N, C-alpha and C. Protein backbone atom coordinates (compact mmCIF):
# COMPACT_ATOMS: atom_id res chain seq x y z
N MET A 1 38.23 30.91 94.69
CA MET A 1 36.61 30.83 94.79
C MET A 1 36.69 29.49 93.90
N ILE A 2 36.17 28.60 95.28
CA ILE A 2 35.78 27.57 95.05
C ILE A 2 34.22 27.00 93.94
N MET A 3 35.31 25.96 92.87
CA MET A 3 35.01 25.78 91.34
C MET A 3 34.19 24.11 91.73
N THR A 4 32.65 24.75 92.35
CA THR A 4 32.33 22.59 91.38
C THR A 4 31.99 22.45 90.99
N GLU A 5 32.54 21.61 90.04
CA GLU A 5 31.98 19.85 88.60
C GLU A 5 30.96 20.02 89.12
N ILE A 6 29.10 19.69 88.34
CA ILE A 6 28.98 19.47 88.04
C ILE A 6 28.12 18.74 86.64
N ASN A 7 28.00 17.11 86.81
CA ASN A 7 28.50 16.30 86.07
C ASN A 7 27.19 16.37 85.43
N LEU A 8 26.66 17.08 83.54
CA LEU A 8 25.41 17.35 84.26
C LEU A 8 24.61 16.05 82.81
N LEU A 9 25.81 15.60 82.40
CA LEU A 9 25.26 14.15 81.33
C LEU A 9 24.18 13.85 81.42
N PRO A 10 24.24 12.27 81.98
CA PRO A 10 22.78 11.75 83.10
C PRO A 10 21.69 12.94 82.54
N TRP A 11 21.00 13.98 83.45
CA TRP A 11 20.24 14.57 83.35
C TRP A 11 19.86 15.19 81.60
N ARG A 12 21.51 14.80 80.70
CA ARG A 12 20.84 14.94 79.55
C ARG A 12 20.28 13.74 78.58
N GLU A 13 21.07 12.92 78.81
CA GLU A 13 20.11 11.17 79.10
C GLU A 13 19.58 11.28 78.83
N GLU A 14 18.83 11.64 80.17
CA GLU A 14 17.82 11.80 80.75
C GLU A 14 16.87 12.23 79.89
N ASN A 15 17.03 12.87 79.74
CA ASN A 15 16.23 14.55 79.28
C ASN A 15 15.73 13.55 77.80
N ARG A 16 16.51 13.84 77.32
CA ARG A 16 16.62 13.39 75.28
C ARG A 16 15.70 11.44 75.90
N GLN A 17 15.90 10.34 75.88
CA GLN A 17 15.81 9.42 76.17
C GLN A 17 13.79 9.85 76.47
N GLU A 18 14.35 11.47 78.00
CA GLU A 18 12.24 11.50 77.99
C GLU A 18 11.76 12.30 76.70
N GLN A 19 12.84 13.02 75.91
CA GLN A 19 11.96 13.20 74.40
C GLN A 19 11.50 12.19 73.67
N LYS A 20 12.93 11.65 73.38
CA LYS A 20 12.29 9.78 72.31
C LYS A 20 11.52 9.39 72.89
N LYS A 21 10.63 9.18 73.73
CA LYS A 21 9.57 8.59 73.74
C LYS A 21 8.66 9.91 73.82
N GLN A 22 8.61 10.74 74.73
CA GLN A 22 7.28 11.87 73.99
C GLN A 22 7.35 11.29 72.56
N PHE A 23 7.71 11.57 71.58
CA PHE A 23 8.63 11.37 70.09
C PHE A 23 8.07 10.61 69.34
N VAL A 24 8.12 9.94 70.11
CA VAL A 24 7.56 7.82 69.82
C VAL A 24 5.92 8.43 70.13
N VAL A 25 5.85 8.62 71.67
CA VAL A 25 4.40 8.49 71.93
C VAL A 25 3.42 9.54 70.63
N MET A 26 3.91 10.05 70.07
CA MET A 26 2.68 11.15 69.76
C MET A 26 3.05 10.87 68.14
N LEU A 27 4.39 9.96 67.83
CA LEU A 27 3.94 10.26 66.69
C LEU A 27 2.89 9.18 66.68
N VAL A 28 3.30 7.42 67.37
CA VAL A 28 2.11 6.41 67.60
C VAL A 28 0.63 6.97 67.83
N MET A 29 0.45 8.26 68.24
CA MET A 29 -0.74 8.65 68.37
C MET A 29 -1.09 9.48 66.55
N VAL A 30 -0.35 10.32 65.96
CA VAL A 30 -0.75 10.23 65.77
C VAL A 30 -1.26 9.53 63.86
N CYS A 31 -0.04 7.89 64.22
CA CYS A 31 -0.63 6.75 62.96
C CYS A 31 -2.12 6.98 63.20
N VAL A 32 -1.82 6.50 64.73
CA VAL A 32 -3.50 6.10 65.21
C VAL A 32 -4.23 6.46 64.36
N PHE A 33 -3.62 7.71 65.14
CA PHE A 33 -4.57 9.53 64.10
C PHE A 33 -5.56 8.79 62.97
N ALA A 34 -4.58 9.37 61.65
CA ALA A 34 -4.48 9.44 60.36
C ALA A 34 -5.41 7.78 60.17
N ALA A 35 -5.47 7.35 60.66
CA ALA A 35 -5.28 5.62 61.08
C ALA A 35 -6.57 6.17 60.38
N ALA A 36 -7.68 5.92 61.75
CA ALA A 36 -9.17 6.85 61.99
C ALA A 36 -9.18 7.48 60.85
N ILE A 37 -8.69 8.73 61.23
CA ILE A 37 -9.45 8.94 59.39
C ILE A 37 -8.96 8.30 58.17
N VAL A 38 -9.05 7.83 57.46
CA VAL A 38 -7.76 6.74 56.32
C VAL A 38 -9.69 5.82 56.81
N GLY A 39 -10.07 5.32 57.70
CA GLY A 39 -10.54 4.87 57.72
C GLY A 39 -12.02 4.89 58.03
N LEU A 40 -12.11 5.86 58.89
CA LEU A 40 -13.51 6.95 58.42
C LEU A 40 -13.48 7.33 57.04
N ILE A 41 -12.67 7.65 56.20
CA ILE A 41 -13.66 8.37 55.55
C ILE A 41 -13.51 6.91 54.44
N HIS A 42 -12.57 5.59 54.49
CA HIS A 42 -13.00 5.03 53.51
C HIS A 42 -14.23 3.99 53.40
N PHE A 43 -14.80 3.67 54.63
CA PHE A 43 -16.52 4.19 55.44
C PHE A 43 -16.96 4.34 55.17
N GLN A 44 -16.99 5.70 54.48
CA GLN A 44 -18.01 6.63 54.23
C GLN A 44 -18.23 6.81 52.61
N MET A 45 -16.76 6.59 51.78
CA MET A 45 -17.06 5.87 51.03
C MET A 45 -17.60 4.25 50.45
N GLN A 46 -17.49 3.64 51.29
CA GLN A 46 -18.12 3.06 50.83
C GLN A 46 -19.49 1.99 51.08
N ALA A 47 -20.10 3.22 52.43
CA ALA A 47 -21.38 3.09 52.35
C ALA A 47 -21.80 4.29 51.31
N LYS A 48 -21.70 5.10 51.48
CA LYS A 48 -20.95 5.85 49.12
C LYS A 48 -21.68 5.01 48.45
N ILE A 49 -20.86 3.78 47.49
CA ILE A 49 -20.90 3.06 47.05
C ILE A 49 -21.52 1.95 47.07
N ASP A 50 -21.89 2.03 47.99
CA ASP A 50 -23.18 0.96 49.02
C ASP A 50 -24.40 1.07 48.41
N TYR A 51 -25.00 2.49 49.27
CA TYR A 51 -26.26 2.99 48.81
C TYR A 51 -25.89 3.44 46.80
N GLN A 52 -24.70 3.95 46.00
CA GLN A 52 -25.51 4.76 44.54
C GLN A 52 -25.43 3.07 44.44
N LEU A 53 -25.29 2.02 44.99
CA LEU A 53 -24.81 0.04 44.18
C LEU A 53 -26.37 -0.11 43.96
N SER A 54 -27.03 0.00 45.66
CA SER A 54 -28.39 0.10 45.92
C SER A 54 -29.23 0.64 44.75
N ARG A 55 -29.42 1.76 44.53
CA ARG A 55 -30.08 3.07 43.35
C ARG A 55 -29.64 2.36 41.83
N ASN A 56 -28.35 2.16 41.72
CA ASN A 56 -28.19 1.47 40.57
C ASN A 56 -29.41 0.14 40.44
N GLN A 57 -29.71 -0.91 41.11
CA GLN A 57 -30.04 -2.43 41.48
C GLN A 57 -31.21 -2.14 41.38
N PHE A 58 -31.98 -0.83 42.32
CA PHE A 58 -33.41 -0.35 42.12
C PHE A 58 -33.93 -0.15 40.78
N LEU A 59 -32.28 1.25 39.75
CA LEU A 59 -33.26 1.46 38.28
C LEU A 59 -32.90 -0.12 37.67
N SER A 60 -32.31 -0.69 37.64
CA SER A 60 -32.42 -1.15 36.60
C SER A 60 -33.87 -2.24 36.91
N ASN A 61 -33.52 -2.89 38.49
CA ASN A 61 -35.59 -3.21 37.97
C ASN A 61 -36.53 -2.56 37.79
N GLU A 62 -36.44 -1.90 37.86
CA GLU A 62 -37.71 -0.26 37.61
C GLU A 62 -37.49 -0.53 36.39
N ILE A 63 -36.23 -0.20 35.12
CA ILE A 63 -35.95 -0.55 33.84
C ILE A 63 -36.76 -1.56 33.88
N ALA A 64 -36.34 -3.20 34.00
CA ALA A 64 -36.71 -4.45 33.53
C ALA A 64 -38.58 -4.57 33.76
N THR A 65 -38.99 -3.91 34.47
CA THR A 65 -40.60 -3.92 35.59
C THR A 65 -41.06 -3.21 34.01
N VAL A 66 -40.44 -2.14 33.64
CA VAL A 66 -41.37 -0.49 32.50
C VAL A 66 -40.99 -1.92 31.18
N ASP A 67 -39.78 -2.04 30.64
CA ASP A 67 -39.56 -2.91 29.44
C ASP A 67 -40.36 -4.15 29.10
N LYS A 68 -40.92 -4.87 30.50
CA LYS A 68 -41.84 -6.11 31.01
C LYS A 68 -43.59 -5.03 30.22
N GLU A 69 -43.24 -3.71 31.13
CA GLU A 69 -44.75 -3.47 30.55
C GLU A 69 -44.85 -2.31 29.47
N ILE A 70 -43.64 -2.14 28.42
CA ILE A 70 -43.76 -1.49 27.57
C ILE A 70 -44.82 -2.83 26.49
N LEU A 71 -44.40 -4.60 26.50
CA LEU A 71 -44.03 -5.51 25.59
C LEU A 71 -45.79 -4.93 25.47
N GLU A 72 -45.81 -5.21 26.72
CA GLU A 72 -47.36 -5.70 26.67
C GLU A 72 -48.31 -4.93 26.00
N ILE A 73 -48.00 -3.13 26.26
CA ILE A 73 -48.58 -2.24 25.87
C ILE A 73 -47.95 -2.91 24.36
N ARG A 74 -47.40 -2.79 23.99
CA ARG A 74 -47.24 -3.96 22.86
C ARG A 74 -48.13 -4.38 21.65
N GLU A 75 -48.27 -5.09 22.66
CA GLU A 75 -49.19 -6.86 22.30
C GLU A 75 -50.74 -6.64 22.17
N LEU A 76 -50.70 -5.44 23.04
CA LEU A 76 -52.76 -4.68 23.27
C LEU A 76 -52.52 -4.04 22.38
N GLN A 77 -51.63 -3.09 21.45
CA GLN A 77 -51.43 -1.88 20.82
C GLN A 77 -51.94 -3.03 19.54
N LYS A 78 -51.78 -4.99 18.92
CA LYS A 78 -51.80 -4.71 17.77
C LYS A 78 -53.04 -5.39 18.38
N VAL A 79 -53.23 -6.63 19.40
CA VAL A 79 -54.94 -6.81 19.90
C VAL A 79 -55.66 -5.62 18.95
N ARG A 80 -55.58 -4.91 19.55
CA ARG A 80 -56.71 -4.41 19.56
C ARG A 80 -57.18 -3.03 17.71
N ARG A 81 -55.20 -3.42 16.80
CA ARG A 81 -55.55 -3.04 15.82
C ARG A 81 -56.54 -4.83 15.52
N SER A 82 -55.39 -5.59 15.47
CA SER A 82 -56.81 -6.40 15.39
C SER A 82 -58.49 -6.11 15.01
N LEU A 83 -59.04 -6.01 16.21
CA LEU A 83 -59.68 -5.32 16.68
C LEU A 83 -60.74 -4.94 15.77
N ILE A 84 -59.50 -3.92 15.72
CA ILE A 84 -60.19 -2.19 14.65
C ILE A 84 -60.53 -3.45 13.72
N GLU A 85 -59.57 -3.58 12.99
CA GLU A 85 -59.43 -4.14 11.21
C GLU A 85 -60.11 -4.97 11.58
N ARG A 86 -60.87 -6.10 12.65
CA ARG A 86 -62.53 -6.74 12.29
C ARG A 86 -63.61 -5.97 12.29
N MET A 87 -63.33 -5.00 12.96
CA MET A 87 -64.36 -4.20 13.45
C MET A 87 -65.02 -3.69 11.75
N GLU A 88 -64.07 -2.56 10.95
CA GLU A 88 -64.08 -2.57 9.37
C GLU A 88 -64.39 -3.15 9.16
N VAL A 89 -64.60 -4.55 8.64
CA VAL A 89 -64.88 -5.29 7.27
C VAL A 89 -65.63 -5.61 8.14
N ILE A 90 -66.37 -5.77 8.65
CA ILE A 90 -67.54 -6.23 9.81
C ILE A 90 -68.60 -4.93 9.12
N GLN A 91 -68.30 -3.92 9.79
CA GLN A 91 -68.94 -2.24 9.53
C GLN A 91 -69.26 -2.38 7.97
N ASP A 92 -68.26 -2.74 6.92
CA ASP A 92 -68.35 -2.35 5.73
C ASP A 92 -69.13 -3.44 5.51
N LEU A 93 -69.51 -4.87 5.55
CA LEU A 93 -70.15 -6.08 5.09
C LEU A 93 -71.72 -5.94 5.61
N GLN A 94 -71.40 -5.03 6.76
CA GLN A 94 -72.72 -4.07 7.39
C GLN A 94 -73.27 -3.72 6.60
N GLY A 95 -72.63 -2.47 5.71
CA GLY A 95 -72.89 -1.74 4.69
C GLY A 95 -73.08 -1.82 3.47
N SER A 96 -72.33 -2.52 3.05
CA SER A 96 -72.74 -3.80 1.93
C SER A 96 -73.29 -4.72 2.10
N ARG A 97 -74.70 -4.84 2.85
CA ARG A 97 -74.94 -5.63 2.63
C ARG A 97 -76.50 -5.08 1.76
N PRO A 98 -77.27 -4.50 1.54
CA PRO A 98 -78.36 -4.04 0.60
C PRO A 98 -77.40 -3.33 0.14
N SER A 99 -76.35 -3.63 -0.50
CA SER A 99 -75.77 -2.77 -1.45
C SER A 99 -76.69 -4.09 -2.72
N ILE A 100 -75.82 -5.03 -1.95
CA ILE A 100 -75.16 -6.91 -2.76
C ILE A 100 -77.26 -7.16 -3.04
N VAL A 101 -77.83 -6.60 -2.04
CA VAL A 101 -79.36 -7.02 -2.82
C VAL A 101 -80.08 -6.12 -4.25
N HIS A 102 -79.77 -5.43 -3.67
CA HIS A 102 -80.18 -3.88 -4.57
C HIS A 102 -79.50 -4.61 -5.74
N LEU A 103 -78.37 -5.06 -5.89
CA LEU A 103 -77.33 -5.13 -7.39
C LEU A 103 -77.57 -6.58 -7.95
N PHE A 104 -78.35 -7.83 -7.03
CA PHE A 104 -78.79 -9.02 -8.06
C PHE A 104 -80.72 -8.82 -7.76
N THR A 105 -81.02 -7.36 -7.11
CA THR A 105 -82.62 -7.65 -7.74
C THR A 105 -82.25 -5.62 -8.84
N GLU A 106 -81.34 -5.25 -9.03
CA GLU A 106 -81.23 -4.86 -10.51
C GLU A 106 -80.50 -5.55 -11.53
N ILE A 107 -80.33 -6.06 -11.09
CA ILE A 107 -79.99 -7.34 -12.22
C ILE A 107 -80.80 -8.20 -13.00
N VAL A 108 -81.99 -9.06 -12.36
CA VAL A 108 -83.10 -9.16 -12.50
C VAL A 108 -83.72 -8.33 -12.74
N SER A 109 -84.11 -7.83 -12.43
CA SER A 109 -85.19 -6.61 -13.31
C SER A 109 -84.54 -6.19 -14.51
N THR A 110 -83.42 -5.75 -14.57
CA THR A 110 -82.81 -5.29 -15.97
C THR A 110 -83.07 -6.18 -17.24
N VAL A 111 -83.44 -7.51 -17.22
CA VAL A 111 -83.15 -9.02 -18.08
C VAL A 111 -83.84 -8.75 -19.37
N PRO A 112 -83.90 -8.26 -19.92
CA PRO A 112 -85.23 -8.63 -21.13
C PRO A 112 -85.72 -9.84 -22.08
N ASN A 113 -87.04 -10.88 -22.08
CA ASN A 113 -86.79 -11.78 -22.57
C ASN A 113 -86.00 -11.74 -24.07
N GLY A 114 -85.21 -13.18 -24.10
CA GLY A 114 -84.56 -12.76 -24.39
C GLY A 114 -82.41 -13.43 -23.84
N VAL A 115 -82.91 -13.15 -23.45
CA VAL A 115 -81.76 -12.17 -22.87
C VAL A 115 -81.25 -13.24 -21.74
N TYR A 116 -80.41 -14.62 -21.62
CA TYR A 116 -80.32 -15.32 -20.41
C TYR A 116 -78.19 -14.97 -20.03
N LEU A 117 -77.78 -15.40 -18.65
CA LEU A 117 -76.68 -14.97 -18.42
C LEU A 117 -76.62 -16.10 -17.92
N GLN A 118 -74.59 -16.00 -18.79
CA GLN A 118 -74.75 -17.42 -17.78
C GLN A 118 -73.36 -17.72 -16.65
N SER A 119 -72.33 -16.35 -17.33
CA SER A 119 -71.88 -16.28 -15.49
C SER A 119 -72.10 -14.30 -15.40
N LEU A 120 -71.81 -13.76 -13.99
CA LEU A 120 -71.22 -12.65 -13.55
C LEU A 120 -70.29 -12.57 -12.74
N ALA A 121 -69.01 -11.59 -12.56
CA ALA A 121 -67.94 -11.53 -11.96
C ALA A 121 -67.80 -10.30 -11.44
N GLN A 122 -66.93 -10.18 -10.30
CA GLN A 122 -67.19 -8.08 -9.58
C GLN A 122 -65.98 -8.79 -9.35
N ILE A 123 -65.37 -7.71 -9.05
CA ILE A 123 -64.07 -6.71 -8.70
C ILE A 123 -63.62 -5.41 -8.50
N GLY A 124 -63.55 -4.73 -7.39
CA GLY A 124 -64.44 -4.15 -6.58
C GLY A 124 -65.82 -3.46 -7.51
N ASN A 125 -66.06 -2.26 -7.88
CA ASN A 125 -67.69 -2.23 -7.99
C ASN A 125 -67.75 -2.79 -9.32
N ASN A 126 -66.77 -3.00 -9.92
CA ASN A 126 -67.06 -3.64 -11.66
C ASN A 126 -67.23 -4.82 -11.99
N LEU A 127 -68.66 -4.53 -12.37
CA LEU A 127 -68.79 -6.06 -12.76
C LEU A 127 -68.79 -6.17 -14.49
N THR A 128 -68.62 -7.81 -14.83
CA THR A 128 -68.56 -8.30 -16.10
C THR A 128 -69.82 -9.14 -16.47
N ILE A 129 -70.68 -9.00 -17.33
CA ILE A 129 -71.96 -10.35 -17.43
C ILE A 129 -71.17 -10.63 -18.53
N ARG A 130 -71.31 -11.74 -17.97
CA ARG A 130 -71.61 -13.11 -19.85
C ARG A 130 -73.22 -13.20 -20.07
N GLY A 131 -73.08 -13.51 -21.58
CA GLY A 131 -75.03 -13.95 -21.45
C GLY A 131 -74.36 -14.71 -23.31
N GLU A 132 -75.89 -14.34 -23.25
CA GLU A 132 -76.48 -14.96 -24.55
C GLU A 132 -77.41 -14.70 -25.25
N ALA A 133 -77.51 -14.24 -25.37
CA ALA A 133 -78.90 -13.26 -26.73
C ALA A 133 -79.39 -14.06 -27.64
N GLU A 134 -81.06 -13.48 -27.89
CA GLU A 134 -81.95 -13.91 -28.94
C GLU A 134 -81.71 -13.15 -30.46
N SER A 135 -80.63 -11.73 -30.36
CA SER A 135 -80.39 -11.42 -31.11
C SER A 135 -80.03 -9.46 -30.39
N ASN A 136 -78.81 -9.23 -31.18
CA ASN A 136 -78.11 -7.90 -30.97
C ASN A 136 -78.81 -7.18 -29.76
N ALA A 137 -80.74 -6.94 -31.22
CA ALA A 137 -80.84 -5.49 -30.34
C ALA A 137 -81.88 -5.89 -28.86
N ARG A 138 -81.75 -7.32 -28.72
CA ARG A 138 -81.69 -7.99 -27.89
C ARG A 138 -80.68 -7.20 -26.32
N VAL A 139 -79.46 -7.09 -26.71
CA VAL A 139 -79.07 -7.43 -26.12
C VAL A 139 -78.47 -5.55 -26.00
N SER A 140 -79.06 -5.16 -27.23
CA SER A 140 -79.01 -3.29 -27.11
C SER A 140 -80.32 -2.41 -25.62
N THR A 141 -80.85 -3.37 -25.72
CA THR A 141 -82.11 -2.94 -24.59
C THR A 141 -81.55 -3.63 -23.50
N TYR A 142 -80.56 -5.14 -23.49
CA TYR A 142 -80.62 -5.13 -21.89
C TYR A 142 -79.52 -4.25 -21.51
N MET A 143 -79.01 -3.20 -22.37
CA MET A 143 -77.67 -2.29 -22.29
C MET A 143 -78.19 -0.83 -21.82
N ARG A 144 -79.87 -0.62 -21.93
CA ARG A 144 -80.18 0.54 -22.25
C ARG A 144 -81.30 0.80 -20.51
N ASN A 145 -81.32 -0.30 -20.99
CA ASN A 145 -81.82 -1.03 -19.33
C ASN A 145 -81.06 -0.79 -17.93
N LEU A 146 -79.24 -0.69 -18.68
CA LEU A 146 -78.63 -0.81 -17.33
C LEU A 146 -78.21 -0.16 -17.37
N GLN A 147 -79.10 1.12 -18.23
CA GLN A 147 -78.35 1.75 -18.30
C GLN A 147 -79.12 3.76 -17.20
N SER A 148 -80.70 2.46 -17.41
CA SER A 148 -81.82 3.63 -16.48
C SER A 148 -81.61 2.79 -15.12
N SER A 149 -80.79 2.26 -14.76
CA SER A 149 -80.80 1.64 -13.46
C SER A 149 -80.67 3.16 -12.67
N ALA A 150 -81.06 3.22 -11.47
CA ALA A 150 -80.53 2.94 -10.63
C ALA A 150 -79.81 3.15 -9.32
N TRP A 151 -78.96 1.55 -9.59
CA TRP A 151 -77.60 1.32 -8.76
C TRP A 151 -76.51 0.48 -9.68
N LEU A 152 -76.92 0.86 -11.11
CA LEU A 152 -75.99 0.32 -12.13
C LEU A 152 -76.11 1.64 -13.47
N LYS A 153 -74.65 1.40 -13.66
CA LYS A 153 -74.50 2.33 -15.12
C LYS A 153 -72.92 2.32 -15.56
N ASP A 154 -72.70 3.25 -16.76
CA ASP A 154 -72.20 2.63 -17.74
C ASP A 154 -71.54 1.68 -17.88
N PRO A 155 -72.74 0.84 -18.62
CA PRO A 155 -72.54 -0.15 -20.13
C PRO A 155 -71.03 -0.11 -20.62
N ASN A 156 -71.14 -1.25 -21.02
CA ASN A 156 -69.94 -1.39 -21.90
C ASN A 156 -69.99 -2.66 -22.44
N LEU A 157 -69.95 -2.95 -23.96
CA LEU A 157 -69.98 -4.29 -24.24
C LEU A 157 -68.84 -3.98 -24.45
N THR A 158 -68.25 -5.64 -24.59
CA THR A 158 -67.12 -5.60 -24.34
C THR A 158 -65.78 -6.34 -26.01
N VAL A 159 -67.79 -7.33 -25.78
CA VAL A 159 -67.61 -9.07 -27.05
C VAL A 159 -68.96 -9.61 -27.38
N ILE A 160 -69.31 -9.36 -28.74
CA ILE A 160 -70.94 -9.82 -28.99
C ILE A 160 -70.02 -10.68 -29.93
N GLU A 161 -70.24 -12.04 -29.95
CA GLU A 161 -69.95 -12.80 -31.39
C GLU A 161 -71.10 -13.41 -31.55
N ILE A 162 -71.64 -13.68 -33.15
CA ILE A 162 -72.76 -14.69 -33.10
C ILE A 162 -72.90 -16.01 -33.65
N GLU A 163 -73.79 -17.19 -33.40
CA GLU A 163 -73.44 -18.47 -33.53
C GLU A 163 -74.73 -18.85 -34.28
N ASP A 164 -74.65 -19.16 -35.16
CA ASP A 164 -75.53 -19.64 -35.91
C ASP A 164 -76.06 -21.45 -34.96
N LYS A 165 -77.33 -21.59 -33.93
CA LYS A 165 -77.03 -22.34 -33.53
C LYS A 165 -78.28 -22.91 -35.07
N THR A 166 -77.71 -24.23 -34.93
CA THR A 166 -78.56 -24.75 -37.27
C THR A 166 -80.26 -23.76 -36.84
N VAL A 167 -80.70 -23.50 -36.35
CA VAL A 167 -82.75 -22.69 -36.83
C VAL A 167 -81.59 -21.53 -36.34
N ASN A 168 -81.58 -21.10 -35.20
CA ASN A 168 -81.75 -19.89 -34.24
C ASN A 168 -80.66 -19.52 -34.02
N ARG A 169 -80.65 -17.65 -34.54
CA ARG A 169 -78.75 -17.05 -34.52
C ARG A 169 -78.45 -16.20 -32.94
N ILE A 170 -77.37 -17.14 -32.54
CA ILE A 170 -77.82 -16.77 -30.93
C ILE A 170 -76.24 -16.15 -31.44
N SER A 171 -76.51 -15.00 -30.34
CA SER A 171 -75.39 -14.01 -29.79
C SER A 171 -75.23 -14.03 -28.22
N THR A 172 -73.53 -13.77 -28.65
CA THR A 172 -72.82 -14.48 -27.65
C THR A 172 -72.85 -13.67 -26.83
N PHE A 173 -72.68 -12.96 -25.50
CA PHE A 173 -71.49 -11.21 -25.50
C PHE A 173 -70.91 -11.71 -24.05
N ILE A 174 -69.76 -10.24 -23.72
CA ILE A 174 -70.12 -10.00 -22.67
C ILE A 174 -69.81 -7.90 -22.67
N LEU A 175 -70.50 -7.92 -21.70
CA LEU A 175 -70.41 -7.14 -21.35
C LEU A 175 -69.66 -6.56 -19.90
N THR A 176 -69.25 -5.22 -19.03
CA THR A 176 -68.44 -5.15 -18.13
C THR A 176 -70.47 -3.32 -17.73
N VAL A 177 -70.36 -3.61 -16.29
CA VAL A 177 -71.32 -2.13 -16.13
C VAL A 177 -70.58 -1.60 -14.52
N LYS A 178 -70.83 -1.24 -13.96
CA LYS A 178 -70.12 -0.07 -13.00
C LYS A 178 -71.62 -0.10 -11.36
N GLN A 179 -70.89 -0.46 -10.33
CA GLN A 179 -72.09 -1.14 -9.35
C GLN A 179 -72.27 0.66 -9.07
N THR A 180 -73.28 1.32 -8.30
CA THR A 180 -73.48 2.43 -8.04
C THR A 180 -74.66 2.72 -6.56
N SER A 181 -74.28 3.71 -6.82
CA SER A 181 -76.19 3.50 -5.61
C SER A 181 -75.58 4.93 -5.79
N PRO A 182 -77.57 5.13 -5.78
CA PRO A 182 -78.27 6.52 -5.96
C PRO A 182 -78.26 7.41 -4.85
N ASN A 183 -77.68 6.97 -3.86
CA ASN A 183 -76.49 8.00 -2.66
C ASN A 183 -76.03 8.08 -2.22
N SER A 184 -75.18 8.10 -3.80
CA SER A 184 -73.73 7.97 -2.93
C SER A 184 -73.09 9.78 -4.30
N THR A 185 -72.87 9.94 -3.14
CA THR A 185 -71.99 11.99 -4.66
C THR A 185 -71.40 12.00 -5.49
N GLY A 186 -70.95 10.75 -6.16
CA GLY A 186 -70.20 11.25 -8.26
C GLY A 186 -69.06 9.80 -7.28
N GLU A 187 -68.85 9.30 -5.47
CA GLU A 187 -67.70 8.27 -5.40
C GLU A 187 -68.09 6.90 -6.29
N ASP A 188 -67.19 6.07 -6.36
CA ASP A 188 -67.37 4.65 -6.62
C ASP A 188 -67.91 3.96 -5.26
N THR A 189 -68.34 3.55 -5.09
CA THR A 189 -68.34 2.16 -4.01
C THR A 189 -67.64 1.01 -4.42
N ASP A 190 -67.27 0.58 -3.42
CA ASP A 190 -66.51 -0.87 -2.79
C ASP A 190 -66.75 -1.91 -2.33
N ASP A 191 -67.33 -2.25 -2.66
CA ASP A 191 -68.05 -3.69 -1.96
C ASP A 191 -67.69 -4.16 -2.74
N GLY A 192 -65.60 -4.82 -2.42
CA GLY A 192 -65.68 -6.12 -2.10
C GLY A 192 -65.31 -7.01 -3.88
N GLY A 193 -65.72 -8.10 -3.92
CA GLY A 193 -65.58 -8.81 -5.31
C GLY A 193 -66.81 -10.00 -4.50
N LEU A 194 -67.64 -10.77 -6.14
CA LEU A 194 -68.80 -11.10 -6.21
C LEU A 194 -68.38 -11.61 -6.83
N GLN A 195 -68.09 -13.86 -7.42
CA GLN A 195 -68.03 -14.66 -8.00
C GLN A 195 -69.67 -15.70 -8.37
């Protein structure tokens, strides 16, 4: 039998070269595909980050706007409180206006002959009256007149001094009395300070 020898080395070499080419092509394609996937993921993440940053910026702007509005509301509340306080003062003055008139009317109507008032001071609803009288009996009459008044109550004599001025004896006195109202229900009215 005759054997022919076939040299397969070139064919194997070509086959190896062909496999190398296919491997390199596949490797390049896999690298390109991997780079595309990585790029796509990167772009998606960057888009999400940009979107979140824009939302954060929007929220920061809205918070700044709300902070400004809160400051404006606080300023308006201060103005409102100030206006309410002024209105209350005006209402108190309006309410106490008749009582001041009654107070002066009662002071004038309760002073008997021979009693002369020198000063009148008011702190809250307490009045301090300084004056002179021709005798102690006239001071007593004045205190009874104050006690019977509808707008004054609880007269209290704190000081009485007798001065001998030539012929007449003069009694200098200081007494306190509380201002009230005939309509009050036992509560003292506070009409501010009168000097």
